[in-house]
Structure formats: structure tokens, C-alpha cells
PDB file of N, CA and C in Angstrom:
ATOM      1  N   MET A   1       0.822  -1.427   0.263  1.00  0.00           N
ATOM      2  CA  MET A   1       0.129   0.420  -0.080  1.00  0.00           C
ATOM      3  C   MET A   1       1.294   1.211  -0.130  1.00  0.00           C
ATOM      4  N   PHE A   2       1.910   1.178   0.681  1.00  0.00           N
ATOM      5  CA  PHE A   2       2.815   2.671   1.101  1.00  0.00           C
ATOM      6  C   PHE A   2       3.839   2.376  -0.579  1.00  0.00           C
ATOM      7  N   GLY A   3       3.823   1.241  -0.996  1.00  0.00           N
ATOM      8  CA  GLY A   3       5.070   1.254  -2.038  1.00  0.00           C
ATOM      9  C   GLY A   3       4.018   2.467  -3.020  1.00  0.00           C
ATOM     10  N   SER A   4       3.224   2.507  -3.195  1.00  0.00           N
ATOM     11  CA  SER A   4       2.289   3.029  -4.483  1.00  0.00           C
ATOM     12  C   SER A   4       2.325   4.690  -4.584  1.00  0.00           C
ATOM     13  N   ASP A   5       2.600   5.190  -3.165  1.00  0.00           N
ATOM     14  CA  ASP A   5       2.166   6.377  -3.099  1.00  0.00           C
ATOM     15  C   ASP A   5       3.472   7.140  -3.064  1.00  0.00           C
ATOM     16  N   ARG A   6       4.833   6.210  -3.132  1.00  0.00           N
ATOM     17  CA  ARG A   6       5.939   7.034  -2.928  1.00  0.00           C
ATOM     18  C   ARG A   6       6.204   7.962  -4.264  1.00  0.00           C
ATOM     19  N   GLY A   7       6.610   8.911  -3.947  1.00  0.00           N
ATOM     20  CA  GLY A   7       6.906  10.247  -5.188  1.00  0.00           C
ATOM     21  C   GLY A   7       5.625  11.222  -4.958  1.00  0.00           C
ATOM     22  N   PHE A   8       4.638  11.176  -4.574  1.00  0.00           N
ATOM     23  CA  PHE A   8       3.439  12.009  -4.615  1.00  0.00           C
ATOM     24  C   PHE A   8       3.993  13.184  -3.585  1.00  0.00           C
ATOM     25  N   VAL A   9       5.056  13.035  -2.745  1.00  0.00           N
ATOM     26  CA  VAL A   9       5.003  14.403  -1.414  1.00  0.00           C
ATOM     27  C   VAL A   9       6.039  15.432  -2.480  1.00  0.00           C
ATOM     28  N   THR A  10       6.835  14.588  -3.073  1.00  0.00           N
ATOM     29  CA  THR A  10       8.203  15.018  -4.079  1.00  0.00           C
ATOM     30  C   THR A  10       7.327  15.917  -4.869  1.00  0.00           C
ATOM     31  N   ALA A  11       6.507  15.346  -5.561  1.00  0.00           N
ATOM     32  CA  ALA A  11       5.671  15.877  -7.332  1.00  0.00           C
ATOM     33  C   ALA A  11       4.711  16.703  -6.909  1.00  0.00           C
ATOM     34  N   GLU A  12       3.903  16.917  -5.207  1.00  0.00           N
ATOM     35  CA  GLU A  12       2.901  17.805  -5.218  1.00  0.00           C
ATOM     36  C   GLU A  12       4.059  18.802  -4.555  1.00  0.00           C
ATOM     37  N   SER A  13       5.369  19.059  -4.036  1.00  0.00           N
ATOM     38  CA  SER A  13       6.125  19.774  -3.316  1.00  0.00           C
ATOM     39  C   SER A  13       6.754  20.712  -4.267  1.00  0.00           C
ATOM     40  N   ALA A  14       7.255  19.941  -5.653  1.00  0.00           N
ATOM     41  CA  ALA A  14       7.395  20.606  -6.884  1.00  0.00           C
ATOM     42  C   ALA A  14       6.686  21.782  -7.305  1.00  0.00           C
ATOM     43  N   VAL A  15       5.054  21.309  -7.201  1.00  0.00           N
ATOM     44  CA  VAL A  15       4.189  21.949  -7.922  1.00  0.00           C
ATOM     45  C   VAL A  15       3.715  23.531  -6.742  1.00  0.00           C
ATOM     46  N   VAL A  16       3.638  22.992  -5.401  1.00  0.00           N
ATOM     47  CA  VAL A  16       3.393  23.867  -4.486  1.00  0.00           C
ATOM     48  C   VAL A  16       4.390  24.899  -4.360  1.00  0.00           C
ATOM     49  N   LEU A  17       5.723  24.653  -4.218  1.00  0.00           N
ATOM     50  CA  LEU A  17       6.764  25.388  -3.880  1.00  0.00           C
ATOM     51  C   LEU A  17       6.622  26.717  -4.224  1.00  0.00           C
ATOM     52  N   PRO A  18       6.595  26.648  -6.302  1.00  0.00           N
ATOM     53  CA  PRO A  18       7.172  27.931  -6.806  1.00  0.00           C
ATOM     54  C   PRO A  18       5.540  28.512  -6.570  1.00  0.00           C
ATOM     55  N   VAL A  19       4.411  27.611  -6.298  1.00  0.00           N
ATOM     56  CA  VAL A  19       3.009  28.784  -6.399  1.00  0.00           C
ATOM     57  C   VAL A  19       3.450  29.281  -5.284  1.00  0.00           C
ATOM     58  N   LEU A  20       3.918  29.451  -3.809  1.00  0.00           N
ATOM     59  CA  LEU A  20       4.167  29.924  -2.344  1.00  0.00           C
ATOM     60  C   LEU A  20       5.705  31.568  -3.050  1.00  0.00           C
ATOM     61  N   VAL A  21       6.208  30.625  -3.450  1.00  0.00           N
ATOM     62  CA  VAL A  21       7.336  31.903  -3.849  1.00  0.00           C
ATOM     63  C   VAL A  21       6.797  32.898  -4.235  1.00  0.00           C
ATOM     64  N   LEU A  22       6.075  32.758  -5.731  1.00  0.00           N
ATOM     65  CA  LEU A  22       5.540  33.621  -6.261  1.00  0.00           C
ATOM     66  C   LEU A  22       4.405  34.583  -5.422  1.00  0.00           C
ATOM     67  N   PHE A  23       3.475  34.354  -4.603  1.00  0.00           N
ATOM     68  CA  PHE A  23       2.706  34.806  -3.623  1.00  0.00           C
ATOM     69  C   PHE A  23       3.545  35.531  -3.161  1.00  0.00           C
ATOM     70  N   ALA A  24       4.795  34.564  -2.236  1.00  0.00           N
ATOM     71  CA  ALA A  24       5.725  35.759  -1.370  1.00  0.00           C
ATOM     72  C   ALA A  24       5.927  36.845  -1.993  1.00  0.00           C
ATOM     73  N   MET A  25       6.994  36.619  -3.069  1.00  0.00           N
ATOM     74  CA  MET A  25       6.856  37.843  -3.921  1.00  0.00           C
ATOM     75  C   MET A  25       5.635  38.844  -4.382  1.00  0.00           C
ATOM     76  N   ALA A  26       4.891  38.607  -4.844  1.00  0.00           N
ATOM     77  CA  ALA A  26       4.030  39.368  -5.150  1.00  0.00           C
ATOM     78  C   ALA A  26       3.287  40.924  -3.285  1.00  0.00           C
ATOM     79  N   LEU A  27       3.758  40.091  -2.626  1.00  0.00           N
ATOM     80  CA  LEU A  27       3.249  40.441  -1.100  1.00  0.00           C
ATOM     81  C   LEU A  27       4.036  41.630  -0.835  1.00  0.00           C
ATOM     82  N   VAL A  28       5.491  41.028  -1.146  1.00  0.00           N
ATOM     83  CA  VAL A  28       6.483  42.199  -1.097  1.00  0.00           C
ATOM     84  C   VAL A  28       6.558  42.952  -2.587  1.00  0.00           C
ATOM     85  N   TRP A  29       5.693  42.795  -3.346  1.00  0.00           N
ATOM     86  CA  TRP A  29       5.932  43.744  -4.520  1.00  0.00           C
ATOM     87  C   TRP A  29       4.991  44.919  -4.264  1.00  0.00           C
ATOM     88  N   GLY A  30       3.750  44.299  -3.586  1.00  0.00           N
ATOM     89  CA  GLY A  30       2.571  45.113  -2.648  1.00  0.00           C
ATOM     90  C   GLY A  30       2.769  45.736  -1.983  1.00  0.00           C
ATOM     91  N   LEU A  31       3.523  45.221  -1.160  1.00  0.00           N
ATOM     92  CA  LEU A  31       4.347  46.450   0.626  1.00  0.00           C
ATOM     93  C   LEU A  31       5.253  47.556  -0.241  1.00  0.00           C
ATOM     94  N   LEU A  32       6.066  47.293  -1.126  1.00  0.00           N
ATOM     95  CA  LEU A  32       7.082  47.976  -1.910  1.00  0.00           C
ATOM     96  C   LEU A  32       6.041  49.295  -2.718  1.00  0.00           C
ATOM     97  N   ALA A  33       5.054  48.932  -3.428  1.00  0.00           N
ATOM     98  CA  ALA A  33       4.055  49.576  -3.618  1.00  0.00           C
ATOM     99  C   ALA A  33       3.666  50.976  -2.868  1.00  0.00           C
ATOM    100  N   VAL A  34       2.853  50.073  -1.456  1.00  0.00           N
ATOM    101  CA  VAL A  34       2.383  51.301  -0.569  1.00  0.00           C
ATOM    102  C   VAL A  34       3.609  52.019  -0.268  1.00  0.00           C
ATOM    103  N   ALA A  35       4.486  51.264   0.335  1.00  0.00           N
ATOM    104  CA  ALA A  35       5.441  52.250   0.666  1.00  0.00           C
ATOM    105  C   ALA A  35       5.976  53.445  -0.580  1.00  0.00           C
ATOM    106  N   ALA A  36       6.075  53.429  -1.414  1.00  0.00           N
ATOM    107  CA  ALA A  36       6.003  54.409  -2.420  1.00  0.00           C
ATOM    108  C   ALA A  36       5.336  55.416  -2.566  1.00  0.00           C
ATOM    109  N   GLN A  37       3.806  54.474  -2.582  1.00  0.00           N
ATOM    110  CA  GLN A  37       2.403  55.547  -1.992  1.00  0.00           C
ATOM    111  C   GLN A  37       2.439  56.855  -1.110  1.00  0.00           C
ATOM    112  N   ILE A  38       3.107  56.293   0.094  1.00  0.00           N
ATOM    113  CA  ILE A  38       3.489  56.788   1.038  1.00  0.00           C
ATOM    114  C   ILE A  38       4.818  57.828   1.366  1.00  0.00           C
ATOM    115  N   GLN A  39       5.814  57.156   0.387  1.00  0.00           N
ATOM    116  CA  GLN A  39       6.534  58.042   0.345  1.00  0.00           C
ATOM    117  C   GLN A  39       6.184  59.818  -0.990  1.00  0.00           C
ATOM    118  N   CYS A  40       5.047  59.312  -1.827  1.00  0.00           N
ATOM    119  CA  CYS A  40       4.851  60.214  -2.897  1.00  0.00           C
ATOM    120  C   CYS A  40       4.012  61.207  -1.945  1.00  0.00           C
ATOM    121  N   VAL A  41       2.978  60.701  -1.045  1.00  0.00           N
ATOM    122  CA  VAL A  41       2.138  61.568  -0.297  1.00  0.00           C
ATOM    123  C   VAL A  41       3.142  62.576   1.001  1.00  0.00           C
ATOM    124  N   ASP A  42       3.919  61.617   1.131  1.00  0.00           N
ATOM    125  CA  ASP A  42       4.758  62.826   2.343  1.00  0.00           C
ATOM    126  C   ASP A  42       5.711  64.027   0.857  1.00  0.00           C
ATOM    127  N   ALA A  43       6.166  63.635   0.348  1.00  0.00           N
ATOM    128  CA  ALA A  43       7.037  64.251  -0.734  1.00  0.00           C
ATOM    129  C   ALA A  43       6.152  65.593  -1.395  1.00  0.00           C
ATOM    130  N   ALA A  44       4.399  64.935  -1.852  1.00  0.00           N
ATOM    131  CA  ALA A  44       4.048  66.238  -2.581  1.00  0.00           C
ATOM    132  C   ALA A  44       3.559  67.333  -1.451  1.00  0.00           C
ATOM    133  N   ARG A  45       3.038  66.698  -0.337  1.00  0.00           N
ATOM    134  CA  ARG A  45       2.612  67.523   1.230  1.00  0.00           C
ATOM    135  C   ARG A  45       4.071  68.282   1.188  1.00  0.00           C
ATOM    136  N   THR A  46       4.985  67.638   1.476  1.00  0.00           N
ATOM    137  CA  THR A  46       6.433  68.834   1.863  1.00  0.00           C
ATOM    138  C   THR A  46       6.222  69.422   0.641  1.00  0.00           C
ATOM    139  N   GLY A  47       6.326  69.565  -0.900  1.00  0.00           N
ATOM    140  CA  GLY A  47       6.513  70.811  -1.559  1.00  0.00           C
ATOM    141  C   GLY A  47       5.463  71.647  -1.938  1.00  0.00           C
ATOM    142  N   ALA A  48       4.392  71.066  -1.435  1.00  0.00           N
ATOM    143  CA  ALA A  48       3.132  71.500  -1.131  1.00  0.00           C
ATOM    144  C   ALA A  48       3.298  73.279  -0.086  1.00  0.00           C
ATOM    145  N   ARG A  49       3.857  72.412   1.188  1.00  0.00           N
ATOM    146  CA  ARG A  49       3.951  73.588   1.449  1.00  0.00           C
ATOM    147  C   ARG A  49       4.814  74.228   1.328  1.00  0.00           C
ATOM    148  N   ALA A  50       5.977  74.065   1.054  1.00  0.00           N
ATOM    149  CA  ALA A  50       7.148  74.718   0.522  1.00  0.00           C
ATOM    150  C   ALA A  50       7.088  75.874  -0.558  1.00  0.00           C
ATOM    151  N   ALA A  51       6.273  75.452  -1.459  1.00  0.00           N
ATOM    152  CA  ALA A  51       5.291  76.274  -2.575  1.00  0.00           C
ATOM    153  C   ALA A  51       4.593  77.181  -2.100  1.00  0.00           C
ATOM    154  N   ALA A  52       3.779  77.414  -1.112  1.00  0.00           N
ATOM    155  CA  ALA A  52       2.922  78.164  -0.380  1.00  0.00           C
ATOM    156  C   ALA A  52       3.626  79.085   0.235  1.00  0.00           C
ATOM    157  N   ARG A  53       4.756  78.826   0.265  1.00  0.00           N
ATOM    158  CA  ARG A  53       5.564  79.780   1.555  1.00  0.00           C
ATOM    159  C   ARG A  53       5.980  80.661   0.080  1.00  0.00           C
ATOM    160  N   GLN A  54       5.670  80.719  -1.287  1.00  0.00           N
ATOM    161  CA  GLN A  54       6.538  81.032  -1.740  1.00  0.00           C
ATOM    162  C   GLN A  54       7.907  80.481  -2.354  1.00  0.00           C
ATOM    163  N   ASP A  55       8.405  80.051  -2.072  1.00  0.00           N
ATOM    164  CA  ASP A  55       9.700  79.159  -2.410  1.00  0.00           C
ATOM    165  C   ASP A  55       9.763  78.651  -3.930  1.00  0.00           C
ATOM    166  N   PRO A  56      10.900  79.087  -4.636  1.00  0.00           N
ATOM    167  CA  PRO A  56      10.923  79.195  -6.177  1.00  0.00           C
ATOM    168  C   PRO A  56      11.114  77.846  -6.146  1.00  0.00           C
ATOM    169  N   ASP A  57      10.273  77.163  -7.642  1.00  0.00           N
ATOM    170  CA  ASP A  57       9.980  76.065  -8.227  1.00  0.00           C
ATOM    171  C   ASP A  57      11.144  74.932  -8.246  1.00  0.00           C
ATOM    172  N   ASP A  58      11.982  75.940  -8.302  1.00  0.00           N
ATOM    173  CA  ASP A  58      13.203  74.447  -8.220  1.00  0.00           C
ATOM    174  C   ASP A  58      13.770  73.896  -7.243  1.00  0.00           C
ATOM    175  N   ALA A  59      13.673  74.944  -5.580  1.00  0.00           N
ATOM    176  CA  ALA A  59      13.094  74.828  -4.587  1.00  0.00           C
ATOM    177  C   ALA A  59      12.710  73.881  -4.302  1.00  0.00           C
ATOM    178  N   VAL A  60      11.332  74.216  -4.297  1.00  0.00           N
ATOM    179  CA  VAL A  60      10.436  72.804  -4.252  1.00  0.00           C
ATOM    180  C   VAL A  60      10.546  71.480  -4.950  1.00  0.00           C
ATOM    181  N   ILE A  61      10.980  71.300  -5.906  1.00  0.00           N
ATOM    182  CA  ILE A  61      11.558  70.211  -7.070  1.00  0.00           C
ATOM    183  C   ILE A  61      11.911  69.469  -6.212  1.00  0.00           C
ATOM    184  N   GLU A  62      13.462  70.151  -5.566  1.00  0.00           N
ATOM    185  CA  GLU A  62      14.376  69.855  -4.687  1.00  0.00           C
ATOM    186  C   GLU A  62      13.601  68.840  -3.935  1.00  0.00           C
ATOM    187  N   VAL A  63      13.120  70.400  -2.856  1.00  0.00           N
ATOM    188  CA  VAL A  63      12.866  69.259  -1.474  1.00  0.00           C
ATOM    189  C   VAL A  63      11.688  68.342  -1.768  1.00  0.00           C
ATOM    190  N   ALA A  64      10.887  68.345  -2.372  1.00  0.00           N
ATOM    191  CA  ALA A  64       9.954  67.584  -2.831  1.00  0.00           C
ATOM    192  C   ALA A  64      11.337  65.775  -3.258  1.00  0.00           C
ATOM    193  N   GLY A  65      11.676  66.176  -4.103  1.00  0.00           N
ATOM    194  CA  GLY A  65      12.406  64.842  -4.773  1.00  0.00           C
ATOM    195  C   GLY A  65      13.513  64.564  -3.804  1.00  0.00           C
ATOM    196  N   ASP A  66      13.711  64.879  -2.808  1.00  0.00           N
ATOM    197  CA  ASP A  66      14.812  64.440  -1.369  1.00  0.00           C
ATOM    198  C   ASP A  66      13.688  63.108  -1.107  1.00  0.00           C
ATOM    199  N   ILE A  67      12.669  63.714  -0.940  1.00  0.00           N
ATOM    200  CA  ILE A  67      11.460  62.278  -0.293  1.00  0.00           C
ATOM    201  C   ILE A  67      10.861  61.533  -0.813  1.00  0.00           C
ATOM    202  N   ALA A  68      10.547  62.209  -2.201  1.00  0.00           N
ATOM    203  CA  ALA A  68      10.273  61.206  -3.133  1.00  0.00           C
ATOM    204  C   ALA A  68      10.447  59.996  -3.871  1.00  0.00           C
ATOM    205  N   PRO A  69      10.121  58.407  -4.178  1.00  0.00           N
ATOM    206  CA  PRO A  69      10.811  57.654  -4.710  1.00  0.00           C
ATOM    207  C   PRO A  69      12.051  58.052  -5.393  1.00  0.00           C
ATOM    208  N   ARG A  70      12.856  56.990  -5.755  1.00  0.00           N
ATOM    209  CA  ARG A  70      14.137  57.328  -6.488  1.00  0.00           C
ATOM    210  C   ARG A  70      13.364  57.535  -8.251  1.00  0.00           C
ATOM    211  N   GLY A  71      13.925  58.242  -9.125  1.00  0.00           N
ATOM    212  CA  GLY A  71      13.485  58.576 -10.280  1.00  0.00           C
ATOM    213  C   GLY A  71      12.098  59.058 -10.151  1.00  0.00           C
ATOM    214  N   ALA A  72      11.546  59.822  -9.329  1.00  0.00           N
ATOM    215  CA  ALA A  72       9.929  60.173  -9.370  1.00  0.00           C
ATOM    216  C   ALA A  72      10.177  61.610  -9.959  1.00  0.00           C
ATOM    217  N   LYS A  73       8.818  62.228 -10.509  1.00  0.00           N
ATOM    218  CA  LYS A  73       9.187  63.462 -11.452  1.00  0.00           C
ATOM    219  C   LYS A  73       7.668  64.064 -10.277  1.00  0.00           C
ATOM    220  N   VAL A  74       8.695  65.254 -10.469  1.00  0.00           N
ATOM    221  CA  VAL A  74       7.917  66.167  -9.424  1.00  0.00           C
ATOM    222  C   VAL A  74       7.240  67.362 -10.406  1.00  0.00           C
ATOM    223  N   THR A  75       6.210  67.274 -10.634  1.00  0.00           N
ATOM    224  CA  THR A  75       5.805  68.826 -10.897  1.00  0.00           C
ATOM    225  C   THR A  75       4.936  70.112 -10.208  1.00  0.00           C
ATOM    226  N   VAL A  76       5.590  71.362 -10.202  1.00  0.00           N
ATOM    227  CA  VAL A  76       4.506  72.173  -9.330  1.00  0.00           C
ATOM    228  C   VAL A  76       3.892  73.314 -10.953  1.00  0.00           C
ATOM    229  N   ALA A  77       2.379  73.647 -10.044  1.00  0.00           N
ATOM    230  CA  ALA A  77       1.545  74.692 -10.580  1.00  0.00           C
ATOM    231  C   ALA A  77       1.139  75.335  -9.727  1.00  0.00           C
ATOM    232  N   ARG A  78       1.264  77.239 -10.254  1.00  0.00           N
ATOM    233  CA  ARG A  78       0.708  77.815  -9.402  1.00  0.00           C
ATOM    234  C   ARG A  78      -0.220  78.867 -10.153  1.00  0.00           C
ATOM    235  N   GLY A  79      -1.551  79.031  -9.329  1.00  0.00           N
ATOM    236  CA  GLY A  79      -2.326  79.324  -9.944  1.00  0.00           C
ATOM    237  C   GLY A  79      -3.723  79.679  -9.285  1.00  0.00           C
ATOM    238  N   GLY A  80      -4.354  81.023  -9.025  1.00  0.00           N
ATOM    239  CA  GLY A  80      -5.565  81.145  -8.415  1.00  0.00           C
ATOM    240  C   GLY A  80      -5.895  80.951  -7.077  1.00  0.00           C
ATOM    241  N   GLY A  81      -4.231  81.612  -6.285  1.00  0.00           N
ATOM    242  CA  GLY A  81      -3.991  81.600  -5.300  1.00  0.00           C
ATOM    243  C   GLY A  81      -3.518  80.413  -4.450  1.00  0.00           C
ATOM    244  N   VAL A  82      -3.745  79.466  -5.413  1.00  0.00           N
ATOM    245  CA  VAL A  82      -3.280  78.269  -4.876  1.00  0.00           C
ATOM    246  C   VAL A  82      -2.188  77.399  -5.457  1.00  0.00           C
ATOM    247  N   VAL A  83      -1.354  76.527  -4.708  1.00  0.00           N
ATOM    248  CA  VAL A  83      -0.369  75.888  -5.336  1.00  0.00           C
ATOM    249  C   VAL A  83      -0.570  74.345  -5.668  1.00  0.00           C
ATOM    250  N   ARG A  84       0.132  73.385  -6.702  1.00  0.00           N
ATOM    251  CA  ARG A  84      -0.100  72.033  -6.523  1.00  0.00           C
ATOM    252  C   ARG A  84       0.669  71.436  -6.834  1.00  0.00           C
ATOM    253  N   VAL A  85       1.106  70.407  -6.491  1.00  0.00           N
ATOM    254  CA  VAL A  85       2.219  69.190  -6.406  1.00  0.00           C
ATOM    255  C   VAL A  85       2.151  68.131  -6.933  1.00  0.00           C
ATOM    256  N   VAL A  86       2.391  67.824  -7.779  1.00  0.00           N
ATOM    257  CA  VAL A  86       2.186  66.328  -8.329  1.00  0.00           C
ATOM    258  C   VAL A  86       3.572  65.501  -8.319  1.00  0.00           C
ATOM    259  N   VAL A  87       3.368  64.338  -7.674  1.00  0.00           N
ATOM    260  CA  VAL A  87       4.969  63.630  -7.903  1.00  0.00           C
ATOM    261  C   VAL A  87       4.399  62.260  -8.399  1.00  0.00           C
ATOM    262  N   VAL A  88       4.978  61.679  -9.379  1.00  0.00           N
ATOM    263  CA  VAL A  88       4.635  60.553 -10.233  1.00  0.00           C
ATOM    264  C   VAL A  88       5.922  59.545  -9.983  1.00  0.00           C
ATOM    265  N   ALA A  89       5.711  58.190 -10.006  1.00  0.00           N
ATOM    266  CA  ALA A  89       7.130  57.438  -9.652  1.00  0.00           C
ATOM    267  C   ALA A  89       6.451  56.553 -10.399  1.00  0.00           C
ATOM    268  N   GLY A  90       7.780  55.451 -10.754  1.00  0.00           N
ATOM    269  CA  GLY A  90       7.272  54.217 -11.750  1.00  0.00           C
ATOM    270  C   GLY A  90       6.792  53.672 -10.646  1.00  0.00           C
ATOM    271  N   PRO A  91       6.571  52.197 -10.735  1.00  0.00           N
ATOM    272  CA  PRO A  91       6.242  50.988  -9.606  1.00  0.00           C
ATOM    273  C   PRO A  91       7.660  50.293  -9.045  1.00  0.00           C
ATOM    274  N   PRO A  92       7.937  50.088  -8.239  1.00  0.00           N
ATOM    275  CA  PRO A  92       8.887  49.512  -7.522  1.00  0.00           C
ATOM    276  C   PRO A  92       9.514  48.272  -8.129  1.00  0.00           C
ATOM    277  N   MET A  93      10.444  48.053  -8.436  1.00  0.00           N
ATOM    278  CA  MET A  93      10.863  47.100  -8.955  1.00  0.00           C
ATOM    279  C   MET A  93      11.101  46.363 -10.340  1.00  0.00           C
ATOM    280  N   LEU A  94       9.507  46.290 -10.548  1.00  0.00           N
ATOM    281  CA  LEU A  94       9.416  45.308 -11.633  1.00  0.00           C
ATOM    282  C   LEU A  94       8.808  47.171 -12.620  1.00  0.00           C
ATOM    283  N   ARG A  95      10.131  47.061 -13.288  1.00  0.00           N
ATOM    284  CA  ARG A  95       9.894  48.658 -14.151  1.00  0.00           C
ATOM    285  C   ARG A  95       9.079  48.475 -15.262  1.00  0.00           C
ATOM    286  N   GLY A  96       8.931  47.104 -15.985  1.00  0.00           N
ATOM    287  CA  GLY A  96       7.939  47.258 -17.575  1.00  0.00           C
ATOM    288  C   GLY A  96       6.684  47.035 -17.098  1.00  0.00           C
ATOM    289  N   LEU A  97       6.005  46.938 -15.818  1.00  0.00           N
ATOM    290  CA  LEU A  97       4.466  47.429 -15.932  1.00  0.00           C
ATOM    291  C   LEU A  97       3.787  48.960 -15.869  1.00  0.00           C
ATOM    292  N   PRO A  98       2.759  48.816 -16.368  1.00  0.00           N
ATOM    293  CA  PRO A  98       2.198  50.555 -16.703  1.00  0.00           C
ATOM    294  C   PRO A  98       1.582  50.457 -15.474  1.00  0.00           C
ATOM    295  N   PHE A  99       2.234  51.209 -14.869  1.00  0.00           N
ATOM    296  CA  PHE A  99       1.802  51.067 -13.363  1.00  0.00           C
ATOM    297  C   PHE A  99       1.952  52.436 -12.967  1.00  0.00           C
ATOM    298  N   GLU A 100       2.036  53.617 -12.593  1.00  0.00           N
ATOM    299  CA  GLU A 100       2.465  54.561 -11.758  1.00  0.00           C
ATOM    300  C   GLU A 100       1.994  55.046 -10.133  1.00  0.00           C
ATOM    301  N   VAL A 101       2.545  55.407  -9.399  1.00  0.00           N
ATOM    302  CA  VAL A 101       2.382  55.886  -8.005  1.00  0.00           C
ATOM    303  C   VAL A 101       2.425  57.098  -8.267  1.00  0.00           C
ATOM    304  N   ARG A 102       0.649  57.465  -8.107  1.00  0.00           N
ATOM    305  CA  ARG A 102       0.621  59.580  -8.422  1.00  0.00           C
ATOM    306  C   ARG A 102       0.026  59.333  -6.964  1.00  0.00           C
ATOM    307  N   GLU A 103       0.728  61.462  -6.639  1.00  0.00           N
ATOM    308  CA  GLU A 103      -0.101  61.850  -5.574  1.00  0.00           C
ATOM    309  C   GLU A 103       0.313  63.456  -6.088  1.00  0.00           C
ATOM    310  N   GLU A 104      -0.842  63.630  -5.245  1.00  0.00           N
ATOM    311  CA  GLU A 104      -0.488  65.686  -5.685  1.00  0.00           C
ATOM    312  C   GLU A 104      -1.301  66.082  -4.695  1.00  0.00           C
ATOM    313  N   ALA A 105      -1.077  66.892  -4.156  1.00  0.00           N
ATOM    314  CA  ALA A 105      -1.014  67.754  -2.597  1.00  0.00           C
ATOM    315  C   ALA A 105      -1.346  69.218  -3.517  1.00  0.00           C
ATOM    316  N   VAL A 106      -2.504  70.028  -2.609  1.00  0.00           N
ATOM    317  CA  VAL A 106      -2.645  71.700  -3.330  1.00  0.00           C
ATOM    318  C   VAL A 106      -2.491  72.511  -1.458  1.00  0.00           C
ATOM    319  N   ALA A 107      -2.015  73.524  -1.982  1.00  0.00           N
ATOM    320  CA  ALA A 107      -2.199  74.493  -0.758  1.00  0.00           C
ATOM    321  C   ALA A 107      -2.663  76.396  -1.125  1.00  0.00           C
ATOM    322  N   SER A 108      -2.876  76.365  -0.010  1.00  0.00           N
ATOM    323  CA  SER A 108      -3.367  78.650  -0.281  1.00  0.00           C
ATOM    324  C   SER A 108      -1.371  78.710  -0.286  1.00  0.00           C
ATOM    325  N   ALA A 109      -2.032  79.708  -1.019  1.00  0.00           N
ATOM    326  CA  ALA A 109      -0.545  80.465  -1.201  1.00  0.00           C
ATOM    327  C   ALA A 109      -0.551  81.299   0.156  1.00  0.00           C
ATOM    328  N   GLU A 110       0.766  81.733   0.372  1.00  0.00           N
ATOM    329  CA  GLU A 110       0.394  82.575   1.460  1.00  0.00           C
ATOM    330  C   GLU A 110       1.317  83.846   0.889  1.00  0.00           C
ATOM    331  N   GLU A 111       0.332  84.954   1.929  1.00  0.00           N
ATOM    332  CA  GLU A 111       0.676  85.984   0.898  1.00  0.00           C
ATOM    333  C   GLU A 111       2.558  86.767   1.655  1.00  0.00           C
ATOM    334  N   MET A 112       3.256  87.048   0.902  1.00  0.00           N
ATOM    335  CA  MET A 112       4.507  88.043   0.973  1.00  0.00           C
ATOM    336  C   MET A 112       4.355  89.199   2.089  1.00  0.00           C
ATOM    337  N   VAL A 113       4.753  89.310   3.414  1.00  0.00           N
ATOM    338  CA  VAL A 113       4.837  90.232   3.994  1.00  0.00           C
ATOM    339  C   VAL A 113       6.026  90.702   4.140  1.00  0.00           C
ATOM    340  N   GLY A 114       6.043  92.626   3.967  1.00  0.00           N
ATOM    341  CA  GLY A 114       7.284  92.721   4.524  1.00  0.00           C
ATOM    342  C   GLY A 114       7.755  92.944   2.526  1.00  0.00           C
ATOM    343  N   VAL A 115       7.431  91.831   1.484  1.00  0.00           N
ATOM    344  CA  VAL A 115       7.548  92.869   0.751  1.00  0.00           C
ATOM    345  C   VAL A 115       7.544  93.287  -0.524  1.00  0.00           C
ATOM    346  N   GLU A 116       8.033  94.183  -0.736  1.00  0.00           N
ATOM    347  CA  GLU A 116       6.731  95.247  -1.767  1.00  0.00           C
ATOM    348  C   GLU A 116       7.008  94.555  -3.085  1.00  0.00           C
ATOM    349  N   PRO A 117       6.165  94.920  -3.830  1.00  0.00           N
ATOM    350  CA  PRO A 117       5.357  94.180  -4.993  1.00  0.00           C
ATOM    351  C   PRO A 117       6.314  95.126  -6.396  1.00  0.00           C
TER     352      PRO A 117
END
């Protein structure tokens, strides 16, 4: 009876282990994507605060880029008394996927006190 069951555990393990490895890799990738999203949120908010203080666009892009994920694109738009900072980053690790992590922050522009127009 036991002689006919030989090799089934090996065959089942050969099928199950790759599935478990792929599942674990998908979980890790998902966690990296969430971490990149959080970095984009922080970068956009920090950039919007800097832009609201009337910092130059180059300084806003630099301060937001320091917090954003590596390779992220930061854009600043001003108009109508508000500033808008958008941070867009590619997916972590798997760069070939058509997927972006994007976050946007908007703040009211502060008035400059003591500055002659």
C-alpha cells in the first residue's frame, strides 16, 4: 500500500513551492508599492508647503524630490491663489509594468509680508 504512494510528496512539493514563492514575491511587491505611495504623499505635501511659502519652483522640486521615491517626477503649478504639487513615480522593482504611483497636494499660497511689489 505504501509502495504505490512513493514520490507523491515530491511531486506535490514541486508544484506548491513555486506557487508559494510567487505569492510571497507578490506580497513583497505590494508592500513596496504601498511604501512608494506613502513616500509620494509625503513628498507632495512637503512640496506644497514649500510652494505655499513662495519658495522658487526649483527649490520646491528639490525638497520634494529628496523625499520622493528614486526616479520620481515632481511638477509644480501655481495659479488662482493655490499651489499644486504632483509627484509621479514608477512601480518599485518591476519597471516594465504600466503602473504609476501618483500623488497630488494642493495648498493656499501665503502672502508675502514686508515685500514690496
